[in-house]
Amino acid sequence: MSEKSARIKKLVLLAMFTAIAAVLITLVHFPLFPSAAFLQYDPADVPILIAAFAFGPVAGLIVTVLASFIQAFFLGGDGIYGFLMHVIATGILVMVASTIYRKFHTRPGAVVGLVLGTIAMGVGMMIANHFITPFYMGVPTEMVDAMLVTVILPFNLLKAGINSAITFLVYKAVSRYIIHGEGHVRGSEKAAGEI
């Protein structure tokens, strides 16, 4: 496959992953904790993680931003607040997991990347909620801080953990389709389906 064809295929695939993520976050969402129904689980991080594992951290971050923007401003999302929080949460997970997987392109590398990405997302969202949520939601910082360890941290760990597990289980099969008909998807790297 020529370089031009490979670039076109990559752009098409990234657009597809963006669309899938935007649809999933819009159509499939439900609370994990009844006491905090405003925190909604969605599987949108799965296609974003797949894109990042296949094409690298930057591609994953681009898909994150585009999917978050579409959902926040065109599909009934929470506007700038929802956009910002989704980009931070998913961005942390995707960047950490895919950076480690890119360096250690093996099943253990994928596991370590996904686990560390999950932990980083949990910690990162505690920090983000402390600083951002009171400003946008108009609630006291103390009220948000009281939920950081008991609600926000476990929610984000559970959400990221579920999506990471799904990604790990489906990535190899999906990556075979992604690279079908070409020997590589990222410069001189070997095919992406090594999980």
N, C-alpha and C. Protein backbone atom coordinates (compact mmCIF):
# COMPACT_ATOMS: atom_id res chain seq x y z
N MET A 1 0.85 -1.19 0.00
CA MET A 1 0.00 0.00 0.00
C MET A 1 0.88 1.24 0.00
N SER A 2 0.56 2.25 -0.85
CA SER A 2 1.36 3.46 -0.94
C SER A 2 1.19 4.29 0.33
N GLU A 3 2.14 5.23 0.53
CA GLU A 3 2.08 6.09 1.71
C GLU A 3 0.79 6.92 1.70
N LYS A 4 0.40 7.39 0.51
CA LYS A 4 -0.82 8.20 0.42
C LYS A 4 -2.03 7.37 0.79
N SER A 5 -2.11 6.14 0.28
CA SER A 5 -3.23 5.27 0.61
C SER A 5 -3.26 4.93 2.09
N ALA A 6 -2.08 4.73 2.67
CA ALA A 6 -1.99 4.43 4.10
C ALA A 6 -2.49 5.61 4.93
N ARG A 7 -2.12 6.83 4.53
CA ARG A 7 -2.58 8.03 5.25
C ARG A 7 -4.09 8.19 5.14
N ILE A 8 -4.63 7.94 3.96
CA ILE A 8 -6.08 8.05 3.76
C ILE A 8 -6.81 7.02 4.61
N LYS A 9 -6.28 5.80 4.62
CA LYS A 9 -6.90 4.75 5.43
C LYS A 9 -6.87 5.11 6.90
N LYS A 10 -5.75 5.66 7.34
CA LYS A 10 -5.64 6.05 8.75
C LYS A 10 -6.65 7.13 9.09
N LEU A 11 -6.78 8.14 8.24
CA LEU A 11 -7.75 9.21 8.48
C LEU A 11 -9.18 8.68 8.52
N VAL A 12 -9.49 7.77 7.60
CA VAL A 12 -10.83 7.17 7.58
C VAL A 12 -11.10 6.40 8.86
N LEU A 13 -10.11 5.62 9.30
CA LEU A 13 -10.27 4.83 10.51
C LEU A 13 -10.41 5.72 11.74
N LEU A 14 -9.62 6.78 11.82
CA LEU A 14 -9.74 7.69 12.95
C LEU A 14 -11.09 8.39 12.97
N ALA A 15 -11.59 8.75 11.79
CA ALA A 15 -12.92 9.34 11.71
C ALA A 15 -13.98 8.34 12.15
N MET A 16 -13.80 7.08 11.79
CA MET A 16 -14.75 6.04 12.19
C MET A 16 -14.73 5.85 13.71
N PHE A 17 -13.54 5.81 14.30
CA PHE A 17 -13.44 5.66 15.75
C PHE A 17 -14.04 6.86 16.47
N THR A 18 -13.85 8.04 15.91
CA THR A 18 -14.44 9.25 16.49
C THR A 18 -15.95 9.16 16.50
N ALA A 19 -16.52 8.75 15.37
CA ALA A 19 -17.98 8.63 15.26
C ALA A 19 -18.52 7.58 16.22
N ILE A 20 -17.86 6.44 16.29
CA ILE A 20 -18.30 5.38 17.19
C ILE A 20 -18.28 5.86 18.64
N ALA A 21 -17.19 6.53 19.03
CA ALA A 21 -17.08 7.02 20.40
C ALA A 21 -18.17 8.03 20.72
N ALA A 22 -18.44 8.95 19.78
CA ALA A 22 -19.47 9.97 20.00
C ALA A 22 -20.85 9.33 20.15
N VAL A 23 -21.12 8.33 19.33
CA VAL A 23 -22.41 7.64 19.42
C VAL A 23 -22.53 6.87 20.73
N LEU A 24 -21.47 6.17 21.12
CA LEU A 24 -21.51 5.38 22.35
C LEU A 24 -21.73 6.25 23.58
N ILE A 25 -21.03 7.38 23.66
CA ILE A 25 -21.18 8.24 24.83
C ILE A 25 -22.56 8.87 24.90
N THR A 26 -23.20 8.98 23.73
CA THR A 26 -24.54 9.58 23.69
C THR A 26 -25.63 8.55 23.98
N LEU A 27 -25.50 7.36 23.44
CA LEU A 27 -26.57 6.37 23.52
C LEU A 27 -26.43 5.39 24.68
N VAL A 28 -25.20 5.10 25.11
CA VAL A 28 -24.99 4.09 26.16
C VAL A 28 -24.38 4.77 27.38
N HIS A 29 -25.19 5.10 28.34
CA HIS A 29 -24.68 5.72 29.56
C HIS A 29 -25.65 5.46 30.70
N PHE A 30 -25.11 5.16 31.85
CA PHE A 30 -25.92 4.89 33.03
C PHE A 30 -25.07 5.06 34.28
N PRO A 31 -25.69 5.40 35.40
CA PRO A 31 -24.91 5.60 36.63
C PRO A 31 -24.41 4.28 37.20
N LEU A 32 -23.20 4.32 37.76
CA LEU A 32 -22.65 3.15 38.44
C LEU A 32 -22.96 3.19 39.93
N PHE A 33 -23.17 4.39 40.46
CA PHE A 33 -23.50 4.57 41.87
C PHE A 33 -24.81 5.33 41.97
N PRO A 34 -25.86 4.71 42.50
CA PRO A 34 -27.15 5.39 42.63
C PRO A 34 -27.06 6.70 43.40
N SER A 35 -26.13 6.77 44.35
CA SER A 35 -26.01 7.98 45.16
C SER A 35 -25.36 9.14 44.38
N ALA A 36 -24.79 8.82 43.23
CA ALA A 36 -24.17 9.86 42.39
C ALA A 36 -24.57 9.63 40.95
N ALA A 37 -25.85 9.80 40.68
CA ALA A 37 -26.39 9.50 39.35
C ALA A 37 -25.85 10.42 38.27
N PHE A 38 -25.28 11.55 38.67
CA PHE A 38 -24.72 12.48 37.68
C PHE A 38 -23.42 11.95 37.07
N LEU A 39 -22.82 10.96 37.71
CA LEU A 39 -21.62 10.33 37.16
C LEU A 39 -22.06 9.12 36.33
N GLN A 40 -21.94 9.24 35.02
CA GLN A 40 -22.47 8.24 34.11
C GLN A 40 -21.35 7.42 33.46
N TYR A 41 -21.50 6.10 33.52
CA TYR A 41 -20.58 5.24 32.78
C TYR A 41 -20.96 5.23 31.31
N ASP A 42 -19.96 5.22 30.44
CA ASP A 42 -20.17 5.00 29.01
C ASP A 42 -18.96 4.27 28.46
N PRO A 43 -19.13 3.49 27.38
CA PRO A 43 -18.03 2.71 26.81
C PRO A 43 -17.27 3.43 25.70
N ALA A 44 -17.41 4.75 25.62
CA ALA A 44 -16.80 5.49 24.51
C ALA A 44 -15.28 5.42 24.51
N ASP A 45 -14.69 5.17 25.66
CA ASP A 45 -13.22 5.10 25.71
C ASP A 45 -12.67 3.87 24.99
N VAL A 46 -13.49 2.86 24.77
CA VAL A 46 -13.01 1.65 24.12
C VAL A 46 -12.53 1.92 22.69
N PRO A 47 -13.35 2.50 21.81
CA PRO A 47 -12.84 2.79 20.46
C PRO A 47 -11.69 3.80 20.46
N ILE A 48 -11.68 4.69 21.44
CA ILE A 48 -10.59 5.67 21.51
C ILE A 48 -9.28 4.98 21.90
N LEU A 49 -9.36 4.06 22.86
CA LEU A 49 -8.18 3.29 23.24
C LEU A 49 -7.68 2.43 22.08
N ILE A 50 -8.60 1.83 21.35
CA ILE A 50 -8.20 1.01 20.19
C ILE A 50 -7.47 1.87 19.17
N ALA A 51 -8.00 3.07 18.90
CA ALA A 51 -7.34 3.98 17.96
C ALA A 51 -5.95 4.35 18.45
N ALA A 52 -5.83 4.62 19.76
CA ALA A 52 -4.54 5.00 20.32
C ALA A 52 -3.54 3.86 20.28
N PHE A 53 -4.00 2.64 20.57
CA PHE A 53 -3.11 1.48 20.51
C PHE A 53 -2.66 1.20 19.08
N ALA A 54 -3.54 1.42 18.13
CA ALA A 54 -3.22 1.12 16.73
C ALA A 54 -2.36 2.20 16.08
N PHE A 55 -2.63 3.47 16.42
CA PHE A 55 -1.99 4.57 15.70
C PHE A 55 -1.16 5.50 16.58
N GLY A 56 -1.13 5.25 17.87
CA GLY A 56 -0.28 6.05 18.74
C GLY A 56 -1.03 7.04 19.61
N PRO A 57 -0.36 7.57 20.65
CA PRO A 57 -0.99 8.47 21.62
C PRO A 57 -1.58 9.74 21.01
N VAL A 58 -0.88 10.34 20.06
CA VAL A 58 -1.38 11.58 19.47
C VAL A 58 -2.69 11.35 18.74
N ALA A 59 -2.75 10.26 17.97
CA ALA A 59 -4.00 9.92 17.27
C ALA A 59 -5.11 9.68 18.27
N GLY A 60 -4.81 8.99 19.37
CA GLY A 60 -5.81 8.75 20.40
C GLY A 60 -6.32 10.03 21.03
N LEU A 61 -5.40 10.98 21.25
CA LEU A 61 -5.81 12.26 21.83
C LEU A 61 -6.67 13.06 20.86
N ILE A 62 -6.33 13.01 19.57
CA ILE A 62 -7.14 13.70 18.56
C ILE A 62 -8.55 13.14 18.54
N VAL A 63 -8.68 11.82 18.56
CA VAL A 63 -10.01 11.19 18.58
C VAL A 63 -10.75 11.59 19.84
N THR A 64 -10.05 11.64 20.97
CA THR A 64 -10.66 12.06 22.23
C THR A 64 -11.27 13.45 22.12
N VAL A 65 -10.48 14.39 21.62
CA VAL A 65 -10.94 15.78 21.52
C VAL A 65 -12.12 15.90 20.55
N LEU A 66 -12.02 15.25 19.40
CA LEU A 66 -13.09 15.35 18.40
C LEU A 66 -14.38 14.72 18.90
N ALA A 67 -14.30 13.53 19.48
CA ALA A 67 -15.49 12.85 19.98
C ALA A 67 -16.12 13.64 21.13
N SER A 68 -15.29 14.18 22.00
CA SER A 68 -15.79 14.97 23.12
C SER A 68 -16.48 16.23 22.63
N PHE A 69 -15.89 16.87 21.62
CA PHE A 69 -16.47 18.10 21.07
C PHE A 69 -17.83 17.82 20.43
N ILE A 70 -17.90 16.77 19.63
CA ILE A 70 -19.16 16.43 18.96
C ILE A 70 -20.24 16.13 19.99
N GLN A 71 -19.89 15.32 20.99
CA GLN A 71 -20.88 14.94 22.00
C GLN A 71 -21.32 16.14 22.83
N ALA A 72 -20.36 16.98 23.22
CA ALA A 72 -20.66 18.09 24.12
C ALA A 72 -21.49 19.19 23.47
N PHE A 73 -21.25 19.45 22.19
CA PHE A 73 -21.87 20.60 21.56
C PHE A 73 -22.91 20.27 20.48
N PHE A 74 -22.97 19.01 20.05
CA PHE A 74 -23.91 18.67 18.99
C PHE A 74 -24.86 17.53 19.34
N LEU A 75 -24.54 16.78 20.40
CA LEU A 75 -25.36 15.61 20.73
C LEU A 75 -25.94 15.69 22.13
N GLY A 76 -26.17 16.90 22.60
CA GLY A 76 -26.84 17.07 23.87
C GLY A 76 -25.98 16.86 25.10
N GLY A 77 -24.68 17.10 24.97
CA GLY A 77 -23.79 16.93 26.11
C GLY A 77 -23.84 18.12 27.05
N ASP A 78 -22.86 18.23 27.94
CA ASP A 78 -22.85 19.26 28.98
C ASP A 78 -22.03 20.49 28.60
N GLY A 79 -21.94 20.77 27.32
CA GLY A 79 -21.24 21.98 26.89
C GLY A 79 -19.76 21.96 27.25
N ILE A 80 -19.24 23.14 27.57
CA ILE A 80 -17.81 23.29 27.78
C ILE A 80 -17.34 22.48 29.00
N TYR A 81 -18.17 22.39 30.03
CA TYR A 81 -17.79 21.63 31.22
C TYR A 81 -17.65 20.15 30.89
N GLY A 82 -18.65 19.59 30.21
CA GLY A 82 -18.59 18.19 29.83
C GLY A 82 -17.45 17.92 28.88
N PHE A 83 -17.23 18.82 27.93
CA PHE A 83 -16.13 18.68 26.98
C PHE A 83 -14.79 18.65 27.71
N LEU A 84 -14.59 19.60 28.59
CA LEU A 84 -13.32 19.71 29.30
C LEU A 84 -13.05 18.48 30.17
N MET A 85 -14.06 18.05 30.93
CA MET A 85 -13.87 16.91 31.84
C MET A 85 -13.65 15.62 31.06
N HIS A 86 -14.35 15.46 29.94
CA HIS A 86 -14.17 14.24 29.14
C HIS A 86 -12.78 14.20 28.50
N VAL A 87 -12.32 15.35 28.01
CA VAL A 87 -10.99 15.40 27.40
C VAL A 87 -9.93 15.09 28.45
N ILE A 88 -10.08 15.64 29.64
CA ILE A 88 -9.08 15.39 30.70
C ILE A 88 -9.09 13.92 31.09
N ALA A 89 -10.27 13.37 31.37
CA ALA A 89 -10.37 11.98 31.85
C ALA A 89 -9.86 11.00 30.80
N THR A 90 -10.46 11.05 29.63
CA THR A 90 -10.09 10.10 28.58
C THR A 90 -8.68 10.38 28.08
N GLY A 91 -8.31 11.66 28.00
CA GLY A 91 -6.97 12.01 27.55
C GLY A 91 -5.89 11.40 28.44
N ILE A 92 -6.09 11.46 29.75
CA ILE A 92 -5.11 10.87 30.67
C ILE A 92 -5.03 9.36 30.45
N LEU A 93 -6.18 8.70 30.42
CA LEU A 93 -6.20 7.25 30.24
C LEU A 93 -5.53 6.85 28.93
N VAL A 94 -5.90 7.50 27.86
CA VAL A 94 -5.41 7.15 26.53
C VAL A 94 -3.92 7.43 26.39
N MET A 95 -3.47 8.59 26.86
CA MET A 95 -2.07 8.95 26.70
C MET A 95 -1.16 8.04 27.51
N VAL A 96 -1.52 7.75 28.75
CA VAL A 96 -0.68 6.89 29.59
C VAL A 96 -0.66 5.47 29.03
N ALA A 97 -1.85 4.91 28.77
CA ALA A 97 -1.94 3.52 28.31
C ALA A 97 -1.24 3.31 26.98
N SER A 98 -1.50 4.18 26.02
CA SER A 98 -0.96 3.97 24.68
C SER A 98 0.53 4.31 24.60
N THR A 99 1.00 5.25 25.42
CA THR A 99 2.43 5.56 25.44
C THR A 99 3.22 4.37 25.95
N ILE A 100 2.73 3.74 27.00
CA ILE A 100 3.41 2.56 27.54
C ILE A 100 3.32 1.40 26.55
N TYR A 101 2.16 1.20 25.94
CA TYR A 101 2.00 0.11 24.98
C TYR A 101 2.87 0.33 23.75
N ARG A 102 3.04 1.58 23.35
CA ARG A 102 3.88 1.89 22.19
C ARG A 102 5.34 1.54 22.48
N LYS A 103 5.75 1.73 23.74
CA LYS A 103 7.13 1.43 24.12
C LYS A 103 7.33 -0.06 24.38
N PHE A 104 6.33 -0.69 24.98
CA PHE A 104 6.39 -2.13 25.27
C PHE A 104 5.24 -2.80 24.54
N HIS A 105 5.48 -3.14 23.28
CA HIS A 105 4.42 -3.57 22.36
C HIS A 105 4.12 -5.06 22.53
N THR A 106 3.67 -5.44 23.73
CA THR A 106 3.38 -6.83 24.07
C THR A 106 2.13 -6.89 24.92
N ARG A 107 1.65 -8.11 25.17
CA ARG A 107 0.49 -8.25 26.06
C ARG A 107 0.78 -7.70 27.46
N PRO A 108 1.91 -8.04 28.07
CA PRO A 108 2.21 -7.44 29.38
C PRO A 108 2.31 -5.92 29.32
N GLY A 109 2.87 -5.40 28.22
CA GLY A 109 2.95 -3.95 28.06
C GLY A 109 1.57 -3.32 28.00
N ALA A 110 0.64 -3.99 27.32
CA ALA A 110 -0.73 -3.50 27.24
C ALA A 110 -1.39 -3.50 28.62
N VAL A 111 -1.18 -4.58 29.37
CA VAL A 111 -1.77 -4.68 30.71
C VAL A 111 -1.24 -3.58 31.62
N VAL A 112 0.09 -3.41 31.63
CA VAL A 112 0.69 -2.38 32.46
C VAL A 112 0.19 -1.00 32.05
N GLY A 113 0.14 -0.75 30.74
CA GLY A 113 -0.33 0.54 30.26
C GLY A 113 -1.77 0.82 30.67
N LEU A 114 -2.64 -0.16 30.53
CA LEU A 114 -4.05 0.02 30.87
C LEU A 114 -4.25 0.19 32.37
N VAL A 115 -3.50 -0.58 33.17
CA VAL A 115 -3.61 -0.45 34.63
C VAL A 115 -3.13 0.92 35.09
N LEU A 116 -1.95 1.33 34.60
CA LEU A 116 -1.42 2.64 35.00
C LEU A 116 -2.28 3.78 34.45
N GLY A 117 -2.83 3.59 33.25
CA GLY A 117 -3.75 4.59 32.70
C GLY A 117 -5.00 4.73 33.54
N THR A 118 -5.52 3.61 34.02
CA THR A 118 -6.70 3.62 34.88
C THR A 118 -6.42 4.36 36.18
N ILE A 119 -5.28 4.05 36.80
CA ILE A 119 -4.92 4.72 38.05
C ILE A 119 -4.71 6.22 37.82
N ALA A 120 -4.02 6.55 36.73
CA ALA A 120 -3.76 7.96 36.42
C ALA A 120 -5.06 8.72 36.18
N MET A 121 -6.02 8.09 35.51
CA MET A 121 -7.31 8.74 35.28
C MET A 121 -8.03 8.98 36.61
N GLY A 122 -7.99 7.99 37.49
CA GLY A 122 -8.64 8.16 38.79
C GLY A 122 -8.06 9.32 39.58
N VAL A 123 -6.74 9.39 39.64
CA VAL A 123 -6.08 10.46 40.38
C VAL A 123 -6.29 11.80 39.68
N GLY A 124 -6.13 11.79 38.36
CA GLY A 124 -6.28 13.03 37.59
C GLY A 124 -7.66 13.64 37.73
N MET A 125 -8.69 12.81 37.78
CA MET A 125 -10.04 13.34 37.88
C MET A 125 -10.36 13.84 39.29
N MET A 126 -9.66 13.34 40.29
CA MET A 126 -9.80 13.93 41.62
C MET A 126 -9.29 15.37 41.60
N ILE A 127 -8.14 15.56 40.96
CA ILE A 127 -7.56 16.90 40.87
C ILE A 127 -8.44 17.81 40.02
N ALA A 128 -8.89 17.30 38.87
CA ALA A 128 -9.72 18.10 37.96
C ALA A 128 -11.04 18.50 38.64
N ASN A 129 -11.67 17.57 39.33
CA ASN A 129 -12.93 17.89 40.00
C ASN A 129 -12.73 18.91 41.11
N HIS A 130 -11.62 18.82 41.82
CA HIS A 130 -11.36 19.78 42.90
C HIS A 130 -11.30 21.21 42.37
N PHE A 131 -10.65 21.40 41.22
CA PHE A 131 -10.44 22.74 40.70
C PHE A 131 -11.53 23.21 39.74
N ILE A 132 -12.08 22.29 38.95
CA ILE A 132 -12.97 22.69 37.86
C ILE A 132 -14.45 22.64 38.25
N THR A 133 -14.87 21.57 38.92
CA THR A 133 -16.29 21.39 39.21
C THR A 133 -16.90 22.51 40.03
N PRO A 134 -16.27 22.98 41.11
CA PRO A 134 -16.89 24.09 41.86
C PRO A 134 -17.11 25.33 41.01
N PHE A 135 -16.17 25.60 40.11
CA PHE A 135 -16.28 26.79 39.26
C PHE A 135 -17.45 26.69 38.30
N TYR A 136 -17.57 25.55 37.61
CA TYR A 136 -18.61 25.40 36.59
C TYR A 136 -19.97 25.04 37.17
N MET A 137 -19.99 24.31 38.26
CA MET A 137 -21.27 23.86 38.83
C MET A 137 -21.80 24.81 39.90
N GLY A 138 -20.98 25.74 40.32
CA GLY A 138 -21.43 26.70 41.32
C GLY A 138 -21.69 26.09 42.68
N VAL A 139 -20.89 25.11 43.05
CA VAL A 139 -21.04 24.46 44.36
C VAL A 139 -19.77 24.70 45.18
N PRO A 140 -19.88 24.62 46.50
CA PRO A 140 -18.69 24.84 47.34
C PRO A 140 -17.62 23.78 47.08
N THR A 141 -16.38 24.19 47.13
CA THR A 141 -15.27 23.26 46.94
C THR A 141 -15.31 22.16 47.98
N GLU A 142 -15.71 22.50 49.21
CA GLU A 142 -15.77 21.51 50.28
C GLU A 142 -16.74 20.38 49.94
N MET A 143 -17.85 20.72 49.26
CA MET A 143 -18.82 19.71 48.87
C MET A 143 -18.23 18.73 47.86
N VAL A 144 -17.49 19.26 46.91
CA VAL A 144 -16.85 18.41 45.91
C VAL A 144 -15.75 17.57 46.56
N ASP A 145 -14.95 18.21 47.40
CA ASP A 145 -13.85 17.50 48.05
C ASP A 145 -14.33 16.33 48.90
N ALA A 146 -15.52 16.46 49.48
CA ALA A 146 -16.06 15.39 50.31
C ALA A 146 -16.39 14.14 49.50
N MET A 147 -16.52 14.30 48.18
CA MET A 147 -16.86 13.18 47.31
C MET A 147 -15.66 12.60 46.58
N LEU A 148 -14.51 13.23 46.69
CA LEU A 148 -13.36 12.83 45.88
C LEU A 148 -12.95 11.38 46.12
N VAL A 149 -12.79 11.01 47.37
CA VAL A 149 -12.31 9.66 47.69
C VAL A 149 -13.43 8.64 47.71
N THR A 150 -14.61 9.05 48.14
CA THR A 150 -15.71 8.10 48.32
C THR A 150 -16.52 7.85 47.05
N VAL A 151 -16.54 8.81 46.13
CA VAL A 151 -17.38 8.67 44.93
C VAL A 151 -16.58 8.86 43.63
N ILE A 152 -15.91 9.98 43.50
CA ILE A 152 -15.26 10.32 42.23
C ILE A 152 -14.12 9.37 41.90
N LEU A 153 -13.26 9.07 42.87
CA LEU A 153 -12.16 8.15 42.62
C LEU A 153 -12.66 6.75 42.26
N PRO A 154 -13.53 6.13 43.07
CA PRO A 154 -13.98 4.78 42.70
C PRO A 154 -14.75 4.75 41.38
N PHE A 155 -15.52 5.79 41.09
CA PHE A 155 -16.24 5.82 39.82
C PHE A 155 -15.27 5.80 38.64
N ASN A 156 -14.27 6.67 38.68
CA ASN A 156 -13.33 6.75 37.56
C ASN A 156 -12.46 5.51 37.44
N LEU A 157 -12.09 4.92 38.58
CA LEU A 157 -11.32 3.67 38.52
C LEU A 157 -12.16 2.56 37.92
N LEU A 158 -13.43 2.50 38.30
CA LEU A 158 -14.31 1.45 37.78
C LEU A 158 -14.60 1.66 36.30
N LYS A 159 -14.90 2.89 35.92
CA LYS A 159 -15.18 3.19 34.51
C LYS A 159 -13.97 2.88 33.63
N ALA A 160 -12.81 3.39 34.03
CA ALA A 160 -11.60 3.15 33.24
C ALA A 160 -11.22 1.68 33.25
N GLY A 161 -11.42 1.02 34.39
CA GLY A 161 -11.09 -0.41 34.48
C GLY A 161 -11.95 -1.26 33.56
N ILE A 162 -13.25 -0.97 33.52
CA ILE A 162 -14.15 -1.72 32.64
C ILE A 162 -13.76 -1.50 31.17
N ASN A 163 -13.56 -0.24 30.80
CA ASN A 163 -13.23 0.05 29.40
C ASN A 163 -11.85 -0.49 29.01
N SER A 164 -10.93 -0.50 29.96
CA SER A 164 -9.61 -1.07 29.69
C SER A 164 -9.70 -2.57 29.48
N ALA A 165 -10.50 -3.24 30.31
CA ALA A 165 -10.66 -4.69 30.18
C ALA A 165 -11.30 -5.04 28.84
N ILE A 166 -12.32 -4.28 28.44
CA ILE A 166 -12.97 -4.53 27.15
C ILE A 166 -11.98 -4.32 26.01
N THR A 167 -11.20 -3.24 26.10
CA THR A 167 -10.20 -2.96 25.07
C THR A 167 -9.20 -4.11 24.95
N PHE A 168 -8.72 -4.59 26.07
CA PHE A 168 -7.75 -5.68 26.07
C PHE A 168 -8.32 -6.93 25.41
N LEU A 169 -9.60 -7.19 25.67
CA LEU A 169 -10.23 -8.40 25.13
C LEU A 169 -10.50 -8.32 23.63
N VAL A 170 -10.80 -7.14 23.13
CA VAL A 170 -11.23 -7.03 21.72
C VAL A 170 -10.15 -6.49 20.79
N TYR A 171 -9.08 -5.91 21.35
CA TYR A 171 -8.12 -5.20 20.49
C TYR A 171 -7.46 -6.08 19.44
N LYS A 172 -7.06 -7.27 19.83
CA LYS A 172 -6.34 -8.11 18.87
C LYS A 172 -7.19 -8.42 17.65
N ALA A 173 -8.45 -8.76 17.88
CA ALA A 173 -9.34 -9.07 16.76
C ALA A 173 -9.59 -7.83 15.90
N VAL A 174 -9.80 -6.69 16.55
CA VAL A 174 -10.07 -5.47 15.80
C VAL A 174 -8.83 -5.02 15.04
N SER A 175 -7.65 -5.16 15.65
CA SER A 175 -6.43 -4.70 15.01
C SER A 175 -6.13 -5.48 13.74
N ARG A 176 -6.55 -6.73 13.69
CA ARG A 176 -6.35 -7.51 12.46
C ARG A 176 -7.12 -6.89 11.31
N TYR A 177 -8.30 -6.36 11.59
CA TYR A 177 -9.08 -5.69 10.55
C TYR A 177 -8.42 -4.36 10.17
N ILE A 178 -7.94 -3.65 11.20
CA ILE A 178 -7.34 -2.34 10.96
C ILE A 178 -6.16 -2.43 10.00
N ILE A 179 -5.33 -3.47 10.18
CA ILE A 179 -4.11 -3.56 9.37
C ILE A 179 -4.27 -4.49 8.18
N HIS A 180 -5.46 -4.97 7.93
CA HIS A 180 -5.67 -5.90 6.81
C HIS A 180 -5.26 -5.25 5.50
N GLY A 181 -4.41 -5.93 4.77
CA GLY A 181 -4.01 -5.43 3.46
C GLY A 181 -2.77 -4.56 3.48
N GLU A 182 -2.18 -4.36 4.68
CA GLU A 182 -0.93 -3.60 4.73
C GLU A 182 -0.07 -4.16 5.85
N GLY A 183 1.21 -4.04 5.68
CA GLY A 183 2.14 -4.64 6.62
C GLY A 183 2.37 -3.82 7.87
N HIS A 184 1.98 -2.54 7.84
CA HIS A 184 2.20 -1.72 9.01
C HIS A 184 1.21 -0.58 9.02
N VAL A 185 1.03 0.01 10.18
CA VAL A 185 0.14 1.16 10.29
C VAL A 185 0.88 2.39 10.81
N ARG A 186 2.11 2.24 11.32
CA ARG A 186 2.82 3.38 11.88
C ARG A 186 4.26 3.33 11.41
N GLY A 187 4.55 3.97 10.30
CA GLY A 187 5.92 4.05 9.84
C GLY A 187 6.54 2.67 9.71
N SER A 188 7.66 2.47 10.42
CA SER A 188 8.38 1.21 10.32
C SER A 188 7.99 0.24 11.40
N GLU A 189 6.99 0.58 12.27
CA GLU A 189 6.58 -0.33 13.32
C GLU A 189 5.92 -1.57 12.74
N LYS A 190 5.99 -2.64 13.47
CA LYS A 190 5.30 -3.86 13.07
C LYS A 190 3.81 -3.70 13.28
N ALA A 191 3.04 -4.64 12.77
CA ALA A 191 1.58 -4.58 12.88
C ALA A 191 1.15 -4.43 14.32
N ALA A 192 -0.03 -3.81 14.49
CA ALA A 192 -0.46 -3.40 15.81
C ALA A 192 -1.04 -4.52 16.64
N GLY A 193 -1.38 -5.65 16.07
CA GLY A 193 -2.11 -6.66 16.81
C GLY A 193 -1.27 -7.58 17.64
N GLU A 194 -0.49 -7.03 18.57
CA GLU A 194 0.40 -7.86 19.36
C GLU A 194 -0.11 -8.10 20.77
N ILE A 195 -1.28 -7.59 21.11
CA ILE A 195 -1.85 -7.88 22.43
C ILE A 195 -2.21 -9.36 22.47
